C-alpha atoms as a PDB file:
ATOM      1  CA  UNK A   1     -15.887 -32.518  -1.907  1.00  0.00           C
ATOM      2  CA  UNK A   2     -15.107 -28.899  -2.879  1.00  0.00           C
ATOM      3  CA  UNK A   3     -12.554 -27.328  -0.525  1.00  0.00           C
ATOM      4  CA  UNK A   4     -12.956 -23.619   0.077  1.00  0.00           C
ATOM      5  CA  UNK A   5     -10.515 -21.604   2.187  1.00  0.00           C
ATOM      6  CA  UNK A   6     -11.741 -18.525   3.981  1.00  0.00           C
ATOM      7  CA  UNK A   7      -8.804 -16.149   4.446  1.00  0.00           C
ATOM      8  CA  UNK A   8      -8.919 -13.745   7.410  1.00  0.00           C
ATOM      9  CA  UNK A   9      -7.008 -10.803   5.979  1.00  0.00           C
ATOM     10  CA  UNK A  10      -5.809  -8.888   9.070  1.00  0.00           C
ATOM     11  CA  UNK A  11      -3.952  -9.609  12.286  1.00  0.00           C
ATOM     12  CA  UNK A  12      -4.643  -6.313  14.004  1.00  0.00           C
ATOM     13  CA  UNK A  13      -5.470  -6.278  17.707  1.00  0.00           C
ATOM     14  CA  UNK A  14      -9.184  -5.727  18.255  1.00  0.00           C
ATOM     15  CA  UNK A  15      -9.944  -6.634  14.668  1.00  0.00           C
ATOM     16  CA  UNK A  16     -13.594  -7.184  13.690  1.00  0.00           C
ATOM     17  CA  UNK A  17     -12.819  -9.066  10.472  1.00  0.00           C
ATOM     18  CA  UNK A  18     -12.807 -12.472  12.169  1.00  0.00           C
ATOM     19  CA  UNK A  19     -16.580 -12.042  12.844  1.00  0.00           C
ATOM     20  CA  UNK A  20     -17.228 -11.391   9.182  1.00  0.00           C
ATOM     21  CA  UNK A  21     -15.109 -14.392   8.229  1.00  0.00           C
ATOM     22  CA  UNK A  22     -17.250 -16.575  10.544  1.00  0.00           C
ATOM     23  CA  UNK A  23     -20.346 -15.257   8.776  1.00  0.00           C
ATOM     24  CA  UNK A  24     -18.864 -16.387   5.466  1.00  0.00           C
ATOM     25  CA  UNK A  25     -17.864 -19.754   6.955  1.00  0.00           C
ATOM     26  CA  UNK A  26     -21.344 -20.294   8.336  1.00  0.00           C
ATOM     27  CA  UNK A  27     -22.910 -19.622   4.919  1.00  0.00           C
ATOM     28  CA  UNK A  28     -20.475 -21.998   3.189  1.00  0.00           C
ATOM     29  CA  UNK A  29     -21.159 -24.762   5.683  1.00  0.00           C
ATOM     30  CA  UNK A  30     -24.853 -24.820   4.677  1.00  0.00           C
ATOM     31  CA  UNK A  31     -23.812 -25.993   1.195  1.00  0.00           C
ATOM     32  CA  UNK A  32     -23.688 -29.698   0.438  1.00  0.00           C
ATOM     33  CA  UNK A  33     -20.362 -31.105  -0.668  1.00  0.00           C
ATOM     34  CA  UNK A  34     -18.339 -28.171   0.647  1.00  0.00           C
ATOM     35  CA  UNK A  35     -15.446 -28.418   3.101  1.00  0.00           C
ATOM     36  CA  UNK A  36     -14.442 -25.102   4.694  1.00  0.00           C
ATOM     37  CA  UNK A  37     -11.007 -24.255   6.066  1.00  0.00           C
ATOM     38  CA  UNK A  38     -10.233 -21.001   7.901  1.00  0.00           C
ATOM     39  CA  UNK A  39      -6.839 -19.573   7.001  1.00  0.00           C
ATOM     40  CA  UNK A  40      -6.249 -16.866   9.595  1.00  0.00           C
ATOM     41  CA  UNK A  41      -3.126 -14.828   8.944  1.00  0.00           C
ATOM     42  CA  UNK A  42      -2.639 -14.681  12.691  1.00  0.00           C
ATOM     43  CA  UNK A  43      -1.653 -18.343  12.406  1.00  0.00           C
ATOM     44  CA  UNK A  44       0.910 -17.583   9.679  1.00  0.00           C
ATOM     45  CA  UNK A  45       3.350 -15.050  11.001  1.00  0.00           C
ATOM     46  CA  UNK A  46       5.023 -14.474   7.626  1.00  0.00           C
ATOM     47  CA  UNK A  47       8.130 -12.283   7.527  1.00  0.00           C
ATOM     48  CA  UNK A  48       8.195  -9.452   5.020  1.00  0.00           C
ATOM     49  CA  UNK A  49       8.690 -10.925   1.575  1.00  0.00           C
ATOM     50  CA  UNK A  50      12.331 -10.519   0.525  1.00  0.00           C
ATOM     51  CA  UNK A  51      13.109 -13.356  -1.839  1.00  0.00           C
ATOM     52  CA  UNK A  52      15.692 -12.269  -4.431  1.00  0.00           C
ATOM     53  CA  UNK A  53      13.728 -13.689  -7.380  1.00  0.00           C
ATOM     54  CA  UNK A  54      10.012 -13.408  -8.108  1.00  0.00           C
ATOM     55  CA  UNK A  55       8.392 -16.664  -6.953  1.00  0.00           C
ATOM     56  CA  UNK A  56       6.896 -17.415 -10.375  1.00  0.00           C
ATOM     57  CA  UNK A  57      10.267 -17.078 -12.069  1.00  0.00           C
ATOM     58  CA  UNK A  58      12.340 -19.137  -9.652  1.00  0.00           C
ATOM     59  CA  UNK A  59      12.396 -22.861 -10.570  1.00  0.00           C
ATOM     60  CA  UNK A  60      14.870 -23.475  -7.725  1.00  0.00           C
ATOM     61  CA  UNK A  61      12.519 -22.074  -5.075  1.00  0.00           C
ATOM     62  CA  UNK A  62      12.208 -24.192  -1.921  1.00  0.00           C
ATOM     63  CA  UNK A  63       9.990 -22.467   0.640  1.00  0.00           C
ATOM     64  CA  UNK A  64      10.473 -23.578   4.257  1.00  0.00           C
ATOM     65  CA  UNK A  65       8.825 -23.156   7.635  1.00  0.00           C
ATOM     66  CA  UNK A  66       5.811 -20.935   7.988  1.00  0.00           C
ATOM     67  CA  UNK A  67       6.023 -19.836   4.331  1.00  0.00           C
ATOM     68  CA  UNK A  68       5.753 -23.445   3.168  1.00  0.00           C
ATOM     69  CA  UNK A  69       2.821 -24.001   5.573  1.00  0.00           C
ATOM     70  CA  UNK A  70       0.989 -21.001   4.120  1.00  0.00           C
ATOM     71  CA  UNK A  71       1.622 -22.065   0.517  1.00  0.00           C
ATOM     72  CA  UNK A  72       0.653 -25.650   1.235  1.00  0.00           C
ATOM     73  CA  UNK A  73      -2.619 -24.509   2.827  1.00  0.00           C
ATOM     74  CA  UNK A  74      -3.430 -22.498  -0.314  1.00  0.00           C
ATOM     75  CA  UNK A  75      -2.544 -25.459  -2.525  1.00  0.00           C
ATOM     76  CA  UNK A  76      -5.074 -27.689  -0.732  1.00  0.00           C
ATOM     77  CA  UNK A  77      -8.056 -25.457  -1.557  1.00  0.00           C
ATOM     78  CA  UNK A  78     -10.208 -25.482  -4.686  1.00  0.00           C
ATOM     79  CA  UNK A  79     -11.272 -21.884  -4.162  1.00  0.00           C
ATOM     80  CA  UNK A  80     -10.942 -18.952  -1.771  1.00  0.00           C
ATOM     81  CA  UNK A  81     -12.944 -16.213  -0.128  1.00  0.00           C
ATOM     82  CA  UNK A  82     -10.769 -13.412   1.209  1.00  0.00           C
ATOM     83  CA  UNK A  83     -12.269 -11.350   3.985  1.00  0.00           C
ATOM     84  CA  UNK A  84     -10.619  -7.954   4.368  1.00  0.00           C
ATOM     85  CA  UNK A  85     -11.082  -4.634   6.088  1.00  0.00           C
ATOM     86  CA  UNK A  86     -10.232  -1.393   4.321  1.00  0.00           C
ATOM     87  CA  UNK A  87      -7.128   0.412   5.610  1.00  0.00           C
ATOM     88  CA  UNK A  88      -6.337   3.753   4.026  1.00  0.00           C
ATOM     89  CA  UNK A  89      -8.339   3.007   0.865  1.00  0.00           C
ATOM     90  CA  UNK A  90      -6.677  -0.387   0.408  1.00  0.00           C
ATOM     91  CA  UNK A  91      -6.037  -3.805   2.010  1.00  0.00           C
ATOM     92  CA  UNK A  92      -3.872  -4.436   5.100  1.00  0.00           C
ATOM     93  CA  UNK A  93      -0.160  -4.767   4.456  1.00  0.00           C
ATOM     94  CA  UNK A  94      -0.110  -8.211   6.073  1.00  0.00           C
ATOM     95  CA  UNK A  95      -2.584  -9.474   3.453  1.00  0.00           C
ATOM     96  CA  UNK A  96      -0.593  -8.039   0.531  1.00  0.00           C
ATOM     97  CA  UNK A  97       2.553  -9.583   1.990  1.00  0.00           C
ATOM     98  CA  UNK A  98       0.880 -13.010   2.173  1.00  0.00           C
ATOM     99  CA  UNK A  99      -0.015 -12.866  -1.527  1.00  0.00           C
ATOM    100  CA  UNK A 100       3.489 -11.726  -2.457  1.00  0.00           C
ATOM    101  CA  UNK A 101       4.669 -15.246  -1.555  1.00  0.00           C
ATOM    102  CA  UNK A 102       2.287 -16.979  -3.980  1.00  0.00           C
ATOM    103  CA  UNK A 103       3.546 -18.569  -7.192  1.00  0.00           C
ATOM    104  CA  UNK A 104       1.073 -21.099  -8.677  1.00  0.00           C
ATOM    105  CA  UNK A 105      -0.835 -22.366  -5.617  1.00  0.00           C
ATOM    106  CA  UNK A 106      -3.974 -20.452  -6.630  1.00  0.00           C
ATOM    107  CA  UNK A 107      -3.651 -21.084 -10.352  1.00  0.00           C
ATOM    108  CA  UNK A 108      -6.966 -21.779 -12.161  1.00  0.00           C
ATOM    109  CA  UNK A 109      -8.986 -21.586  -8.967  1.00  0.00           C
ATOM    110  CA  UNK A 110     -11.713 -19.007  -8.240  1.00  0.00           C
ATOM    111  CA  UNK A 111     -11.640 -16.413  -5.445  1.00  0.00           C
ATOM    112  CA  UNK A 112     -14.234 -14.207  -3.900  1.00  0.00           C
ATOM    113  CA  UNK A 113     -13.954 -11.034  -1.821  1.00  0.00           C
ATOM    114  CA  UNK A 114     -15.873  -9.932   1.249  1.00  0.00           C
ATOM    115  CA  UNK A 115     -14.932  -6.561   2.694  1.00  0.00           C
ATOM    116  CA  UNK A 116     -15.917  -4.069   5.380  1.00  0.00           C
ATOM    117  CA  UNK A 117     -15.043  -0.539   6.347  1.00  0.00           C
ATOM    118  CA  UNK A 118     -15.728   2.916   4.984  1.00  0.00           C
ATOM    119  CA  UNK A 119     -18.033   2.557   1.936  1.00  0.00           C
ATOM    120  CA  UNK A 120     -18.134  -1.136   2.825  1.00  0.00           C
ATOM    121  CA  UNK A 121     -14.488  -1.586   2.035  1.00  0.00           C
ATOM    122  CA  UNK A 122     -15.189  -1.245  -1.707  1.00  0.00           C
ATOM    123  CA  UNK A 123     -11.829   0.383  -2.460  1.00  0.00           C
ATOM    124  CA  UNK A 124      -9.985  -2.410  -0.686  1.00  0.00           C
ATOM    125  CA  UNK A 125     -12.052  -4.922  -2.626  1.00  0.00           C
ATOM    126  CA  UNK A 126     -11.156  -3.339  -5.976  1.00  0.00           C
ATOM    127  CA  UNK A 127      -7.443  -3.285  -5.109  1.00  0.00           C
ATOM    128  CA  UNK A 128      -7.655  -6.876  -3.955  1.00  0.00           C
ATOM    129  CA  UNK A 129      -9.218  -7.998  -7.273  1.00  0.00           C
ATOM    130  CA  UNK A 130      -6.122  -6.710  -9.087  1.00  0.00           C
ATOM    131  CA  UNK A 131      -3.715  -8.369  -6.623  1.00  0.00           C
ATOM    132  CA  UNK A 132      -5.571 -11.666  -6.799  1.00  0.00           C
ATOM    133  CA  UNK A 133      -5.534 -11.757 -10.555  1.00  0.00           C
ATOM    134  CA  UNK A 134      -1.717 -11.611 -10.433  1.00  0.00           C
ATOM    135  CA  UNK A 135      -1.807 -14.720  -8.265  1.00  0.00           C
ATOM    136  CA  UNK A 136      -3.426 -16.510 -11.249  1.00  0.00           C
ATOM    137  CA  UNK A 137      -6.698 -17.008  -9.417  1.00  0.00           C
ATOM    138  CA  UNK A 138      -9.966 -16.003 -11.098  1.00  0.00           C
ATOM    139  CA  UNK A 139     -11.803 -13.412  -9.018  1.00  0.00           C
ATOM    140  CA  UNK A 140     -15.558 -13.887  -9.437  1.00  0.00           C
ATOM    141  CA  UNK A 141     -17.399 -10.770 -10.617  1.00  0.00           C
ATOM    142  CA  UNK A 142     -19.518 -10.419  -7.471  1.00  0.00           C
ATOM    143  CA  UNK A 143     -18.062  -9.156  -4.224  1.00  0.00           C
ATOM    144  CA  UNK A 144     -19.690  -8.368  -0.915  1.00  0.00           C
ATOM    145  CA  UNK A 145     -19.173  -5.100   0.878  1.00  0.00           C
ATOM    146  CA  UNK A 146     -20.573  -4.264   4.285  1.00  0.00           C
ATOM    147  CA  UNK A 147     -20.499  -0.903   6.037  1.00  0.00           C
ATOM    148  CA  UNK A 148     -20.864  -0.820   9.842  1.00  0.00           C
ATOM    149  CA  UNK A 149     -20.179  -4.572   9.840  1.00  0.00           C
ATOM    150  CA  UNK A 150     -19.348  -4.772  13.535  1.00  0.00           C
ATOM    151  CA  UNK A 151     -22.859  -3.495  14.359  1.00  0.00           C
ATOM    152  CA  UNK A 152     -24.700  -6.187  12.434  1.00  0.00           C
ATOM    153  CA  UNK A 153     -22.573  -9.368  12.848  1.00  0.00           C
ATOM    154  CA  UNK A 154     -22.065 -10.869  16.242  1.00  0.00           C
ATOM    155  CA  UNK A 155     -19.077 -12.803  17.642  1.00  0.00           C
ATOM    156  CA  UNK A 156     -20.429 -16.118  16.323  1.00  0.00           C
ATOM    157  CA  UNK A 157     -20.772 -14.775  12.804  1.00  0.00           C
ATOM    158  CA  UNK A 158     -24.562 -14.313  12.904  1.00  0.00           C
ATOM    159  CA  UNK A 159     -26.016 -11.484  10.840  1.00  0.00           C
ATOM    160  CA  UNK A 160     -28.689  -9.437  12.561  1.00  0.00           C
ATOM    161  CA  UNK A 161     -32.157 -10.832  11.684  1.00  0.00           C
ATOM    162  CA  UNK A 162     -33.560  -7.557  10.384  1.00  0.00           C
ATOM    163  CA  UNK A 163     -30.588  -7.176   8.026  1.00  0.00           C
ATOM    164  CA  UNK A 164     -30.712 -10.823   6.987  1.00  0.00           C
ATOM    165  CA  UNK A 165     -34.358 -10.542   6.130  1.00  0.00           C
ATOM    166  CA  UNK A 166     -33.677  -8.070   3.294  1.00  0.00           C
ATOM    167  CA  UNK A 167     -33.473 -10.216   0.116  1.00  0.00           C
ATOM    168  CA  UNK A 168     -31.307  -7.580  -1.528  1.00  0.00           C
ATOM    169  CA  UNK A 169     -29.025  -7.136   1.482  1.00  0.00           C
ATOM    170  CA  UNK A 170     -25.656  -8.612   2.402  1.00  0.00           C
ATOM    171  CA  UNK A 171     -26.877 -12.179   2.951  1.00  0.00           C
ATOM    172  CA  UNK A 172     -28.346 -12.351  -0.533  1.00  0.00           C
ATOM    173  CA  UNK A 173     -25.159 -10.852  -1.976  1.00  0.00           C
ATOM    174  CA  UNK A 174     -23.034 -13.390  -0.120  1.00  0.00           C
ATOM    175  CA  UNK A 175     -25.177 -16.325  -1.252  1.00  0.00           C
ATOM    176  CA  UNK A 176     -24.995 -15.126  -4.864  1.00  0.00           C
ATOM    177  CA  UNK A 177     -21.214 -14.826  -4.722  1.00  0.00           C
ATOM    178  CA  UNK A 178     -20.921 -18.274  -3.179  1.00  0.00           C
ATOM    179  CA  UNK A 179     -23.058 -19.681  -6.020  1.00  0.00           C
ATOM    180  CA  UNK A 180     -20.647 -18.312  -8.605  1.00  0.00           C
ATOM    181  CA  UNK A 181     -17.566 -19.358  -6.651  1.00  0.00           C
ATOM    182  CA  UNK A 182     -18.699 -22.962  -6.195  1.00  0.00           C
ATOM    183  CA  UNK A 183     -19.830 -23.347  -9.796  1.00  0.00           C
ATOM    184  CA  UNK A 184     -16.425 -22.259 -11.060  1.00  0.00           C
ATOM    185  CA  UNK A 185     -14.511 -24.197  -8.369  1.00  0.00           C
ATOM    186  CA  UNK A 186     -16.286 -27.404  -9.271  1.00  0.00           C
ATOM    187  CA  UNK A 187     -15.862 -26.917 -13.019  1.00  0.00           C
ATOM    188  CA  UNK A 188     -12.165 -26.080 -12.653  1.00  0.00           C
ATOM    189  CA  UNK A 189     -11.525 -28.986 -10.254  1.00  0.00           C
ATOM    190  CA  UNK A 190     -13.144 -31.401 -12.750  1.00  0.00           C
ATOM    191  CA  UNK A 191     -10.863 -30.052 -15.491  1.00  0.00           C
ATOM    192  CA  UNK A 192      -7.726 -30.319 -13.290  1.00  0.00           C
ATOM    193  CA  UNK A 193      -8.665 -33.920 -12.362  1.00  0.00           C
ATOM    194  CA  UNK A 194      -9.271 -34.889 -15.976  1.00  0.00           C
ATOM    195  CA  UNK A 195      -5.821 -33.577 -16.922  1.00  0.00           C
ATOM    196  CA  UNK A 196      -4.174 -35.667 -14.199  1.00  0.00           C
ATOM    197  CA  UNK A 197      -5.842 -38.896 -15.500  1.00  0.00           C
END
C-alpha cells in the first residue's frame, strides 16, 4: 500500500483550498493500492519555528507535542501532494513555517504541488518547489495550477463536468502528476525497504 499525504496549505478563515485538496484526495482514492491521508494545517497549530539549531544539524533534537505529531505524520507517508493558494506571489506563511520544522521526514520521497490563485498560483508553486527540495523530497516535474478554482470545484471536491471533460484541462494535469508521483513513490519505497532488509 502506497501512502500519500495531501497537505492543506492554509488555515485562513473562509479558505477555498480545502475544496481543492478534496479534489486531489478524490482522484487519489480511485487508484488501486493507494492510502490517502489528509494533513490539514488547521489540525497542527504549530508555533513559529524558533529552534536554536537547524533541524538537520541537531542530533540532540527531540520534538514534542504538536511538532512531533506533525513530523510523525510526514514520516508515515511515502509521498506528498501539497495544495496551496498564492498569497502575495508566494505560499502562505503557515505552510512555510510547517516545512521549517522538517529534518529528514520527507527524505527520498516524492512530492507534488497543486495550486490556485492569480495565474493559477503558479508563482506560489515555483517558490514551493524550491522550499520542498530543501526538505530533501523530490518534487515531480509536473504541477497543477488552477485559476478561478472556487468557481469550478464544489464543497465535496467535484470538478465541474464541463471543465472535467477537457482532456487537456486540470483533471488531465492532475492525473498525469499523480502518475509520476506514484511511480516514484513506489520505486523509492521498494528501495527503502530493500535497504532495511
